[in-house]
Amino acid sequence: MKKAKRNPLLARLAERLELTLDVRSDAGLLPEPALIRRACQAALRRDVKQAQISIVIVDAAEGRQLNNDYRGKDYATNVLSFALNEGEPVAGLPLFGDLVLCAPVVEQEAAEQHKDLMAHYAHLLVHGMLHLQGFDHEEDEEAETMEALETVIVKQLGYPDPYHEEHI
């Protein structure tokens, strides 16, 4: 039997991103680990040489509690980003962070916006990864830049523009 050739580019990408996944939700449809890895890798800036990211998928009660504890907002939100090394990433230093996705909120948003659920998960993973790398959308100029970058990455992953195109 022939040995499969490894793609050197894919091998390098995999080596620079260490992901852990903790599912604490009983939601029926959750993203496969392969989708999570692809979305996170796609959003990782080229100058980030090493990243260790934890992805946690939670139910509404835990999502609400975390959003209240860390943002002072008493409702569950779709994605929370916790950069463990705050501020702009420094070239050459590892990126450490956590992304928390609230499954019921993601499902509800996808249904209300007529989006494919996995496309919405991919978008939120990209969005969260950009936050971990210092991108923000609180300022108008930064919001446009972040939105444009998210759109490019999500489309590269094979999904429609999360902001402007018709969905299912």
Protein backbone atom coordinates (compact mmCIF):
# COMPACT_ATOMS: atom_id res chain seq x y z
CA MET A 1 0.00 0.00 0.00
CA LYS A 2 1.28 3.46 -0.89
CA LYS A 3 1.83 5.96 1.86
CA ALA A 4 -0.22 9.14 1.53
CA LYS A 5 1.84 12.25 0.94
CA ARG A 6 1.45 14.94 3.56
CA ASN A 7 0.77 18.42 2.36
CA PRO A 8 3.61 20.48 3.91
CA LEU A 9 1.50 23.66 4.09
CA LEU A 10 -1.32 21.88 5.91
CA ALA A 11 1.16 20.22 8.24
CA ARG A 12 2.71 23.61 9.15
CA LEU A 13 -0.74 25.13 9.74
CA ALA A 14 -1.73 22.24 12.00
CA GLU A 15 1.50 22.54 13.98
CA ARG A 16 0.99 26.21 14.79
CA LEU A 17 -2.57 25.84 16.09
CA GLU A 18 -3.33 23.69 19.11
CA LEU A 19 -7.07 23.39 19.74
CA THR A 20 -9.01 21.84 22.58
CA LEU A 21 -12.76 21.31 22.45
CA ASP A 22 -15.07 21.07 25.45
CA VAL A 23 -18.75 20.46 24.67
CA ARG A 24 -21.01 21.30 27.60
CA SER A 25 -24.21 21.49 25.62
CA ASP A 26 -26.86 18.93 24.82
CA ALA A 27 -27.68 20.63 21.51
CA GLY A 28 -28.42 18.19 18.73
CA LEU A 29 -26.47 19.77 15.88
CA LEU A 30 -22.96 20.88 16.72
CA PRO A 31 -20.02 21.62 14.43
CA GLU A 32 -17.65 18.76 13.73
CA PRO A 33 -14.10 19.18 15.06
CA ALA A 34 -12.86 19.39 11.44
CA LEU A 35 -15.06 22.45 10.80
CA ILE A 36 -13.87 24.07 14.03
CA ARG A 37 -10.23 23.50 13.08
CA ARG A 38 -10.69 24.78 9.51
CA ALA A 39 -12.45 27.97 10.65
CA CYS A 40 -9.90 28.70 13.37
CA GLN A 41 -6.94 28.04 11.07
CA ALA A 42 -8.42 30.22 8.34
CA ALA A 43 -8.75 33.15 10.76
CA LEU A 44 -5.26 32.81 12.24
CA ARG A 45 -3.05 35.65 11.07
CA ARG A 46 0.12 34.64 9.26
CA ASP A 47 2.34 36.39 11.78
CA VAL A 48 0.98 34.23 14.63
CA LYS A 49 3.54 31.45 14.83
CA GLN A 50 1.89 29.47 17.62
CA ALA A 51 -1.63 29.51 19.09
CA GLN A 52 -3.31 27.53 21.84
CA ILE A 53 -7.06 28.00 21.74
CA SER A 54 -9.80 26.34 23.76
CA ILE A 55 -13.25 26.12 22.21
CA VAL A 56 -16.12 25.61 24.66
CA ILE A 57 -19.69 25.03 23.50
CA VAL A 58 -22.23 25.75 26.23
CA ASP A 59 -25.99 25.86 26.82
CA ALA A 60 -27.98 29.04 27.49
CA ALA A 61 -27.68 29.10 31.29
CA GLU A 62 -23.89 28.91 31.25
CA GLY A 63 -23.67 31.34 28.33
CA ARG A 64 -25.83 33.83 30.21
CA GLN A 65 -23.78 33.45 33.39
CA LEU A 66 -20.46 33.96 31.58
CA ASN A 67 -21.76 36.99 29.67
CA ASN A 68 -23.05 38.47 32.93
CA ASP A 69 -19.86 37.72 34.87
CA TYR A 70 -17.43 39.04 32.26
CA ARG A 71 -19.40 41.68 30.35
CA GLY A 72 -22.12 42.70 32.81
CA LYS A 73 -24.82 41.73 30.31
CA ASP A 74 -27.58 39.49 31.67
CA TYR A 75 -28.31 37.40 28.57
CA ALA A 76 -26.64 34.61 26.64
CA THR A 77 -24.71 35.77 23.58
CA ASN A 78 -23.49 33.85 20.55
CA VAL A 79 -19.71 33.95 21.12
CA LEU A 80 -17.42 35.20 23.86
CA SER A 81 -13.69 35.67 23.34
CA PHE A 82 -11.19 35.59 26.15
CA ALA A 83 -7.66 36.54 25.10
CA LEU A 84 -5.26 35.33 27.75
CA ASN A 85 -2.52 37.63 26.48
CA GLU A 86 -4.36 40.94 26.21
CA GLY A 87 -3.71 43.62 23.63
CA GLU A 88 -2.25 43.41 20.15
CA PRO A 89 -0.50 40.09 19.54
CA VAL A 90 3.27 40.45 19.48
CA ALA A 91 4.97 38.81 16.51
CA GLY A 92 6.71 35.64 17.56
CA LEU A 93 4.84 35.23 20.85
CA PRO A 94 2.16 32.55 21.19
CA LEU A 95 -1.51 33.45 21.13
CA PHE A 96 -3.52 32.00 24.02
CA GLY A 97 -7.28 32.27 24.34
CA ASP A 98 -10.70 30.77 24.84
CA LEU A 99 -13.79 30.97 22.67
CA VAL A 100 -17.17 30.17 24.17
CA LEU A 101 -20.05 29.51 21.79
CA CYS A 102 -23.59 29.31 23.14
CA ALA A 103 -25.30 26.59 21.09
CA PRO A 104 -28.94 27.67 21.65
CA VAL A 105 -28.16 31.27 20.69
CA VAL A 106 -26.26 30.19 17.58
CA GLU A 107 -29.16 27.92 16.57
CA GLN A 108 -31.76 30.65 17.16
CA GLU A 109 -29.79 33.27 15.21
CA ALA A 110 -29.22 30.90 12.29
CA ALA A 111 -32.95 30.11 12.13
CA GLU A 112 -34.03 33.76 12.45
CA GLN A 113 -31.52 34.90 9.81
CA HIS A 114 -32.25 31.94 7.49
CA LYS A 115 -28.61 30.82 7.62
CA ASP A 116 -27.16 27.36 7.44
CA LEU A 117 -26.27 26.42 11.02
CA MET A 118 -22.74 25.23 10.21
CA ALA A 119 -22.08 28.38 8.16
CA HIS A 120 -23.12 30.44 11.18
CA TYR A 121 -20.83 28.43 13.47
CA ALA A 122 -17.97 28.93 11.02
CA HIS A 123 -18.62 32.68 10.95
CA LEU A 124 -18.72 32.96 14.74
CA LEU A 125 -15.51 30.94 15.10
CA VAL A 126 -13.80 33.29 12.62
CA HIS A 127 -15.27 36.31 14.44
CA GLY A 128 -14.04 35.05 17.81
CA MET A 129 -10.57 34.20 16.49
CA LEU A 130 -10.21 37.71 15.09
CA HIS A 131 -11.16 39.13 18.51
CA LEU A 132 -8.45 37.00 20.12
CA GLN A 133 -5.96 38.57 17.72
CA GLY A 134 -6.86 42.14 18.66
CA PHE A 135 -9.60 42.97 16.15
CA ASP A 136 -12.57 44.89 17.51
CA HIS A 137 -15.87 46.13 16.14
CA GLU A 138 -16.73 48.78 18.71
CA GLU A 139 -15.23 51.56 16.57
CA ASP A 140 -16.88 52.23 13.19
CA GLU A 141 -13.66 52.03 11.15
CA GLU A 142 -12.53 48.84 12.89
CA ALA A 143 -15.99 47.33 12.49
CA GLU A 144 -15.85 47.76 8.71
CA THR A 145 -12.35 46.25 8.56
CA MET A 146 -13.28 43.33 10.80
CA GLU A 147 -16.52 42.67 8.90
CA ALA A 148 -14.70 42.74 5.56
CA LEU A 149 -12.03 40.35 6.83
CA GLU A 150 -14.65 37.99 8.26
CA THR A 151 -16.46 37.99 4.93
CA VAL A 152 -13.30 37.10 3.00
CA ILE A 153 -12.40 34.27 5.39
CA VAL A 154 -15.91 32.82 5.57
CA LYS A 155 -16.18 32.86 1.77
CA GLN A 156 -12.77 31.13 1.51
CA LEU A 157 -14.24 28.41 3.73
CA GLY A 158 -16.99 27.94 1.13
CA TYR A 159 -19.84 29.69 2.92
CA PRO A 160 -21.83 32.73 1.78
CA ASP A 161 -21.15 36.29 2.92
CA PRO A 162 -22.43 36.27 6.52
CA TYR A 163 -23.54 39.88 6.34
CA HIS A 164 -25.03 40.58 2.92
CA GLU A 165 -26.01 37.51 0.92
CA GLU A 166 -29.25 35.58 0.91
CA HIS A 167 -29.10 32.38 2.86
CA ILE A 168 -31.16 29.19 2.74
